[in-house]
Amino acid sequence: MGGLILGNYLASKQIATRKFLTAAMLISVPWNVFKGTESIEKPIFNLLLNKHLVRELFKILER
């Protein structure tokens, strides 16, 4: 959902960001936010996502 938040922010601040930003690329933004939220909340997907996030957080902390 981070890409969705960033896209919304850039769209709302388009005049202010034109001076500093010429392009942006949003990856993995859900087309339908409600369906995307439903799929993230499913137990299997949630478990896999949490495992990935924890693993990456540990890598950051180890550094």
PDB file of N, CA and C in Angstrom:
ATOM      1  N   MET A   1       0.804  -1.196   0.000  1.00  0.00           N
ATOM      2  CA  MET A   1       0.000   0.000   0.000  1.00  0.00           C
ATOM      3  C   MET A   1       0.854   1.270   0.000  1.00  0.00           C
ATOM      4  N   GLY A   2       2.157   1.115   0.193  1.00  0.00           N
ATOM      5  CA  GLY A   2       3.041   2.279   0.208  1.00  0.00           C
ATOM      6  C   GLY A   2       3.044   3.013  -1.123  1.00  0.00           C
ATOM      7  N   GLY A   3       2.998   2.248  -2.229  1.00  0.00           N
ATOM      8  CA  GLY A   3       2.959   2.876  -3.544  1.00  0.00           C
ATOM      9  C   GLY A   3       1.706   3.695  -3.744  1.00  0.00           C
ATOM     10  N   LEU A   4       0.609   3.208  -3.204  1.00  0.00           N
ATOM     11  CA  LEU A   4      -0.656   3.930  -3.298  1.00  0.00           C
ATOM     12  C   LEU A   4      -0.595   5.244  -2.520  1.00  0.00           C
ATOM     13  N   ILE A   5      -0.015   5.206  -1.345  1.00  0.00           N
ATOM     14  CA  ILE A   5       0.124   6.415  -0.519  1.00  0.00           C
ATOM     15  C   ILE A   5       1.036   7.419  -1.211  1.00  0.00           C
ATOM     16  N   LEU A   6       2.167   6.940  -1.751  1.00  0.00           N
ATOM     17  CA  LEU A   6       3.093   7.824  -2.448  1.00  0.00           C
ATOM     18  C   LEU A   6       2.443   8.446  -3.679  1.00  0.00           C
ATOM     19  N   GLY A   7       1.739   7.643  -4.453  1.00  0.00           N
ATOM     20  CA  GLY A   7       1.057   8.153  -5.645  1.00  0.00           C
ATOM     21  C   GLY A   7       0.034   9.214  -5.305  1.00  0.00           C
ATOM     22  N   ASN A   8      -0.721   8.982  -4.257  1.00  0.00           N
ATOM     23  CA  ASN A   8      -1.723   9.953  -3.823  1.00  0.00           C
ATOM     24  C   ASN A   8      -1.052  11.249  -3.383  1.00  0.00           C
ATOM     25  N   TYR A   9       0.046  11.138  -2.658  1.00  0.00           N
ATOM     26  CA  TYR A   9       0.771  12.322  -2.196  1.00  0.00           C
ATOM     27  C   TYR A   9       1.315  13.116  -3.383  1.00  0.00           C
ATOM     28  N   LEU A  10       1.960  12.423  -4.321  1.00  0.00           N
ATOM     29  CA  LEU A  10       2.529  13.119  -5.475  1.00  0.00           C
ATOM     30  C   LEU A  10       1.450  13.786  -6.325  1.00  0.00           C
ATOM     31  N   ALA A  11       0.310  13.121  -6.468  1.00  0.00           N
ATOM     32  CA  ALA A  11      -0.782  13.712  -7.248  1.00  0.00           C
ATOM     33  C   ALA A  11      -1.345  14.946  -6.564  1.00  0.00           C
ATOM     34  N   SER A  12      -1.411  14.923  -5.252  1.00  0.00           N
ATOM     35  CA  SER A  12      -1.979  16.075  -4.540  1.00  0.00           C
ATOM     36  C   SER A  12      -1.000  17.236  -4.452  1.00  0.00           C
ATOM     37  N   LYS A  13       0.301  16.966  -4.571  1.00  0.00           N
ATOM     38  CA  LYS A  13       1.329  18.009  -4.462  1.00  0.00           C
ATOM     39  C   LYS A  13       2.027  18.248  -5.800  1.00  0.00           C
ATOM     40  N   GLN A  14       1.351  18.010  -6.909  1.00  0.00           N
ATOM     41  CA  GLN A  14       2.016  18.038  -8.205  1.00  0.00           C
ATOM     42  C   GLN A  14       2.670  19.373  -8.541  1.00  0.00           C
ATOM     43  N   ILE A  15       2.091  20.482  -8.173  1.00  0.00           N
ATOM     44  CA  ILE A  15       2.695  21.785  -8.470  1.00  0.00           C
ATOM     45  C   ILE A  15       3.955  21.989  -7.643  1.00  0.00           C
ATOM     46  N   ALA A  16       3.924  21.630  -6.369  1.00  0.00           N
ATOM     47  CA  ALA A  16       5.079  21.815  -5.480  1.00  0.00           C
ATOM     48  C   ALA A  16       6.237  20.888  -5.847  1.00  0.00           C
ATOM     49  N   THR A  17       5.944  19.687  -6.365  1.00  0.00           N
ATOM     50  CA  THR A  17       7.015  18.726  -6.645  1.00  0.00           C
ATOM     51  C   THR A  17       7.601  18.886  -8.044  1.00  0.00           C
ATOM     52  N   ARG A  18       7.002  19.666  -8.917  1.00  0.00           N
ATOM     53  CA  ARG A  18       7.516  19.822 -10.285  1.00  0.00           C
ATOM     54  C   ARG A  18       8.925  20.383 -10.321  1.00  0.00           C
ATOM     55  N   LYS A  19       9.276  21.207  -9.361  1.00  0.00           N
ATOM     56  CA  LYS A  19      10.608  21.807  -9.332  1.00  0.00           C
ATOM     57  C   LYS A  19      11.690  20.761  -9.064  1.00  0.00           C
ATOM     58  N   PHE A  20      11.378  19.752  -8.281  1.00  0.00           N
ATOM     59  CA  PHE A  20      12.368  18.795  -7.823  1.00  0.00           C
ATOM     60  C   PHE A  20      12.225  17.405  -8.436  1.00  0.00           C
ATOM     61  N   LEU A  21      11.068  17.086  -8.946  1.00  0.00           N
ATOM     62  CA  LEU A  21      10.785  15.722  -9.390  1.00  0.00           C
ATOM     63  C   LEU A  21      10.243  15.752 -10.812  1.00  0.00           C
ATOM     64  N   THR A  22      10.883  15.020 -11.706  1.00  0.00           N
ATOM     65  CA  THR A  22      10.416  14.994 -13.090  1.00  0.00           C
ATOM     66  C   THR A  22       9.657  13.717 -13.430  1.00  0.00           C
ATOM     67  N   ALA A  23       9.889  12.652 -12.650  1.00  0.00           N
ATOM     68  CA  ALA A  23       9.201  11.384 -12.915  1.00  0.00           C
ATOM     69  C   ALA A  23       9.121  10.562 -11.638  1.00  0.00           C
ATOM     70  N   ALA A  24       8.155   9.653 -11.605  1.00  0.00           N
ATOM     71  CA  ALA A  24       8.008   8.732 -10.479  1.00  0.00           C
ATOM     72  C   ALA A  24       7.486   7.404 -11.027  1.00  0.00           C
ATOM     73  N   MET A  25       7.885   6.321 -10.377  1.00  0.00           N
ATOM     74  CA  MET A  25       7.416   4.991 -10.776  1.00  0.00           C
ATOM     75  C   MET A  25       6.860   4.295  -9.547  1.00  0.00           C
ATOM     76  N   LEU A  26       5.605   3.915  -9.620  1.00  0.00           N
ATOM     77  CA  LEU A  26       4.959   3.227  -8.512  1.00  0.00           C
ATOM     78  C   LEU A  26       4.834   1.753  -8.873  1.00  0.00           C
ATOM     79  N   ILE A  27       5.293   0.896  -7.985  1.00  0.00           N
ATOM     80  CA  ILE A  27       5.288  -0.547  -8.237  1.00  0.00           C
ATOM     81  C   ILE A  27       4.329  -1.230  -7.271  1.00  0.00           C
ATOM     82  N   SER A  28       3.572  -2.148  -7.790  1.00  0.00           N
ATOM     83  CA  SER A  28       2.680  -2.976  -6.996  1.00  0.00           C
ATOM     84  C   SER A  28       1.574  -2.181  -6.316  1.00  0.00           C
ATOM     85  N   VAL A  29       0.987  -1.281  -7.045  1.00  0.00           N
ATOM     86  CA  VAL A  29      -0.146  -0.513  -6.533  1.00  0.00           C
ATOM     87  C   VAL A  29      -1.429  -1.254  -6.922  1.00  0.00           C
ATOM     88  N   PRO A  30      -2.295  -1.549  -5.959  1.00  0.00           N
ATOM     89  CA  PRO A  30      -3.517  -2.284  -6.298  1.00  0.00           C
ATOM     90  C   PRO A  30      -4.474  -1.430  -7.129  1.00  0.00           C
ATOM     91  N   TRP A  31      -5.074  -2.036  -8.136  1.00  0.00           N
ATOM     92  CA  TRP A  31      -6.053  -1.338  -8.964  1.00  0.00           C
ATOM     93  C   TRP A  31      -7.322  -1.073  -8.155  1.00  0.00           C
ATOM     94  N   ASN A  32      -7.718  -2.073  -7.393  1.00  0.00           N
ATOM     95  CA  ASN A  32      -8.887  -1.950  -6.525  1.00  0.00           C
ATOM     96  C   ASN A  32      -8.386  -2.061  -5.082  1.00  0.00           C
ATOM     97  N   VAL A  33      -8.389  -0.961  -4.373  1.00  0.00           N
ATOM     98  CA  VAL A  33      -7.832  -0.913  -3.017  1.00  0.00           C
ATOM     99  C   VAL A  33      -8.559  -1.879  -2.083  1.00  0.00           C
ATOM    100  N   PHE A  34      -9.855  -1.974  -2.200  1.00  0.00           N
ATOM    101  CA  PHE A  34     -10.623  -2.831  -1.293  1.00  0.00           C
ATOM    102  C   PHE A  34     -10.284  -4.307  -1.514  1.00  0.00           C
ATOM    103  N   LYS A  35     -10.166  -4.731  -2.767  1.00  0.00           N
ATOM    104  CA  LYS A  35      -9.782  -6.124  -3.059  1.00  0.00           C
ATOM    105  C   LYS A  35      -8.347  -6.388  -2.603  1.00  0.00           C
ATOM    106  N   GLY A  36      -7.469  -5.416  -2.806  1.00  0.00           N
ATOM    107  CA  GLY A  36      -6.079  -5.564  -2.368  1.00  0.00           C
ATOM    108  C   GLY A  36      -5.976  -5.741  -0.870  1.00  0.00           C
ATOM    109  N   THR A  37      -6.756  -4.969  -0.136  1.00  0.00           N
ATOM    110  CA  THR A  37      -6.758  -5.069   1.321  1.00  0.00           C
ATOM    111  C   THR A  37      -7.302  -6.420   1.767  1.00  0.00           C
ATOM    112  N   GLU A  38      -8.343  -6.893   1.098  1.00  0.00           N
ATOM    113  CA  GLU A  38      -8.902  -8.209   1.435  1.00  0.00           C
ATOM    114  C   GLU A  38      -7.861  -9.309   1.264  1.00  0.00           C
ATOM    115  N   SER A  39      -7.093  -9.258   0.170  1.00  0.00           N
ATOM    116  CA  SER A  39      -6.129 -10.326  -0.079  1.00  0.00           C
ATOM    117  C   SER A  39      -4.979 -10.289   0.925  1.00  0.00           C
ATOM    118  N   ILE A  40      -4.558  -9.105   1.338  1.00  0.00           N
ATOM    119  CA  ILE A  40      -3.476  -8.993   2.321  1.00  0.00           C
ATOM    120  C   ILE A  40      -3.905  -9.561   3.671  1.00  0.00           C
ATOM    121  N   GLU A  41      -5.191  -9.467   3.980  1.00  0.00           N
ATOM    122  CA  GLU A  41      -5.681  -9.907   5.281  1.00  0.00           C
ATOM    123  C   GLU A  41      -5.961 -11.403   5.353  1.00  0.00           C
ATOM    124  N   LYS A  42      -5.815 -12.121   4.245  1.00  0.00           N
ATOM    125  CA  LYS A  42      -6.015 -13.571   4.280  1.00  0.00           C
ATOM    126  C   LYS A  42      -4.864 -14.200   5.068  1.00  0.00           C
ATOM    127  N   PRO A  43      -5.150 -15.207   5.897  1.00  0.00           N
ATOM    128  CA  PRO A  43      -4.126 -15.771   6.793  1.00  0.00           C
ATOM    129  C   PRO A  43      -2.847 -16.236   6.104  1.00  0.00           C
ATOM    130  N   ILE A  44      -2.949 -16.969   5.007  1.00  0.00           N
ATOM    131  CA  ILE A  44      -1.747 -17.500   4.344  1.00  0.00           C
ATOM    132  C   ILE A  44      -0.889 -16.363   3.804  1.00  0.00           C
ATOM    133  N   PHE A  45      -1.497 -15.454   3.079  1.00  0.00           N
ATOM    134  CA  PHE A  45      -0.749 -14.344   2.501  1.00  0.00           C
ATOM    135  C   PHE A  45      -0.159 -13.469   3.595  1.00  0.00           C
ATOM    136  N   ASN A  46      -0.934 -13.227   4.644  1.00  0.00           N
ATOM    137  CA  ASN A  46      -0.471 -12.405   5.759  1.00  0.00           C
ATOM    138  C   ASN A  46       0.753 -13.040   6.424  1.00  0.00           C
ATOM    139  N   LEU A  47       0.735 -14.356   6.602  1.00  0.00           N
ATOM    140  CA  LEU A  47       1.864 -15.062   7.203  1.00  0.00           C
ATOM    141  C   LEU A  47       3.114 -14.933   6.331  1.00  0.00           C
ATOM    142  N   LEU A  48       2.954 -15.138   5.028  1.00  0.00           N
ATOM    143  CA  LEU A  48       4.099 -15.032   4.124  1.00  0.00           C
ATOM    144  C   LEU A  48       4.652 -13.608   4.086  1.00  0.00           C
ATOM    145  N   LEU A  49       3.772 -12.633   4.052  1.00  0.00           N
ATOM    146  CA  LEU A  49       4.198 -11.242   4.038  1.00  0.00           C
ATOM    147  C   LEU A  49       4.924 -10.885   5.323  1.00  0.00           C
ATOM    148  N   ASN A  50       4.397 -11.312   6.461  1.00  0.00           N
ATOM    149  CA  ASN A  50       5.035 -11.023   7.744  1.00  0.00           C
ATOM    150  C   ASN A  50       6.406 -11.683   7.851  1.00  0.00           C
ATOM    151  N   LYS A  51       6.529 -12.918   7.362  1.00  0.00           N
ATOM    152  CA  LYS A  51       7.833 -13.596   7.385  1.00  0.00           C
ATOM    153  C   LYS A  51       8.854 -12.810   6.584  1.00  0.00           C
ATOM    154  N   HIS A  52       8.461 -12.361   5.414  1.00  0.00           N
ATOM    155  CA  HIS A  52       9.357 -11.585   4.557  1.00  0.00           C
ATOM    156  C   HIS A  52       9.748 -10.274   5.235  1.00  0.00           C
ATOM    157  N   LEU A  53       8.787  -9.574   5.777  1.00  0.00           N
ATOM    158  CA  LEU A  53       9.068  -8.292   6.427  1.00  0.00           C
ATOM    159  C   LEU A  53       9.997  -8.459   7.626  1.00  0.00           C
ATOM    160  N   VAL A  54       9.774  -9.489   8.427  1.00  0.00           N
ATOM    161  CA  VAL A  54      10.625  -9.736   9.601  1.00  0.00           C
ATOM    162  C   VAL A  54      12.040 -10.093   9.159  1.00  0.00           C
ATOM    163  N   ARG A  55      12.171 -10.923   8.145  1.00  0.00           N
ATOM    164  CA  ARG A  55      13.496 -11.311   7.641  1.00  0.00           C
ATOM    165  C   ARG A  55      14.268 -10.067   7.163  1.00  0.00           C
ATOM    166  N   GLU A  56      13.609  -9.206   6.416  1.00  0.00           N
ATOM    167  CA  GLU A  56      14.273  -8.000   5.920  1.00  0.00           C
ATOM    168  C   GLU A  56      14.602  -7.028   7.053  1.00  0.00           C
ATOM    169  N   LEU A  57      13.745  -6.954   8.040  1.00  0.00           N
ATOM    170  CA  LEU A  57      14.011  -6.093   9.194  1.00  0.00           C
ATOM    171  C   LEU A  57      15.236  -6.587   9.961  1.00  0.00           C
ATOM    172  N   PHE A  58      15.363  -7.894  10.124  1.00  0.00           N
ATOM    173  CA  PHE A  58      16.533  -8.451  10.798  1.00  0.00           C
ATOM    174  C   PHE A  58      17.820  -8.137  10.034  1.00  0.00           C
ATOM    175  N   LYS A  59      17.752  -8.189   8.718  1.00  0.00           N
ATOM    176  CA  LYS A  59      18.932  -7.857   7.913  1.00  0.00           C
ATOM    177  C   LYS A  59      19.358  -6.409   8.160  1.00  0.00           C
ATOM    178  N   ILE A  60      18.388  -5.524   8.224  1.00  0.00           N
ATOM    179  CA  ILE A  60      18.683  -4.108   8.466  1.00  0.00           C
ATOM    180  C   ILE A  60      19.285  -3.925   9.851  1.00  0.00           C
ATOM    181  N   LEU A  61      18.712  -4.595  10.842  1.00  0.00           N
ATOM    182  CA  LEU A  61      19.200  -4.464  12.206  1.00  0.00           C
ATOM    183  C   LEU A  61      20.597  -5.052  12.384  1.00  0.00           C
ATOM    184  N   GLU A  62      20.898  -6.133  11.679  1.00  0.00           N
ATOM    185  CA  GLU A  62      22.227  -6.741  11.758  1.00  0.00           C
ATOM    186  C   GLU A  62      23.310  -5.821  11.207  1.00  0.00           C
ATOM    187  N   ARG A  63      22.963  -5.052  10.184  1.00  0.00           N
ATOM    188  CA  ARG A  63      23.932  -4.114   9.611  1.00  0.00           C
ATOM    189  C   ARG A  63      24.245  -3.022  10.599  1.00  0.00           C
TER     190      ARG A  63
END
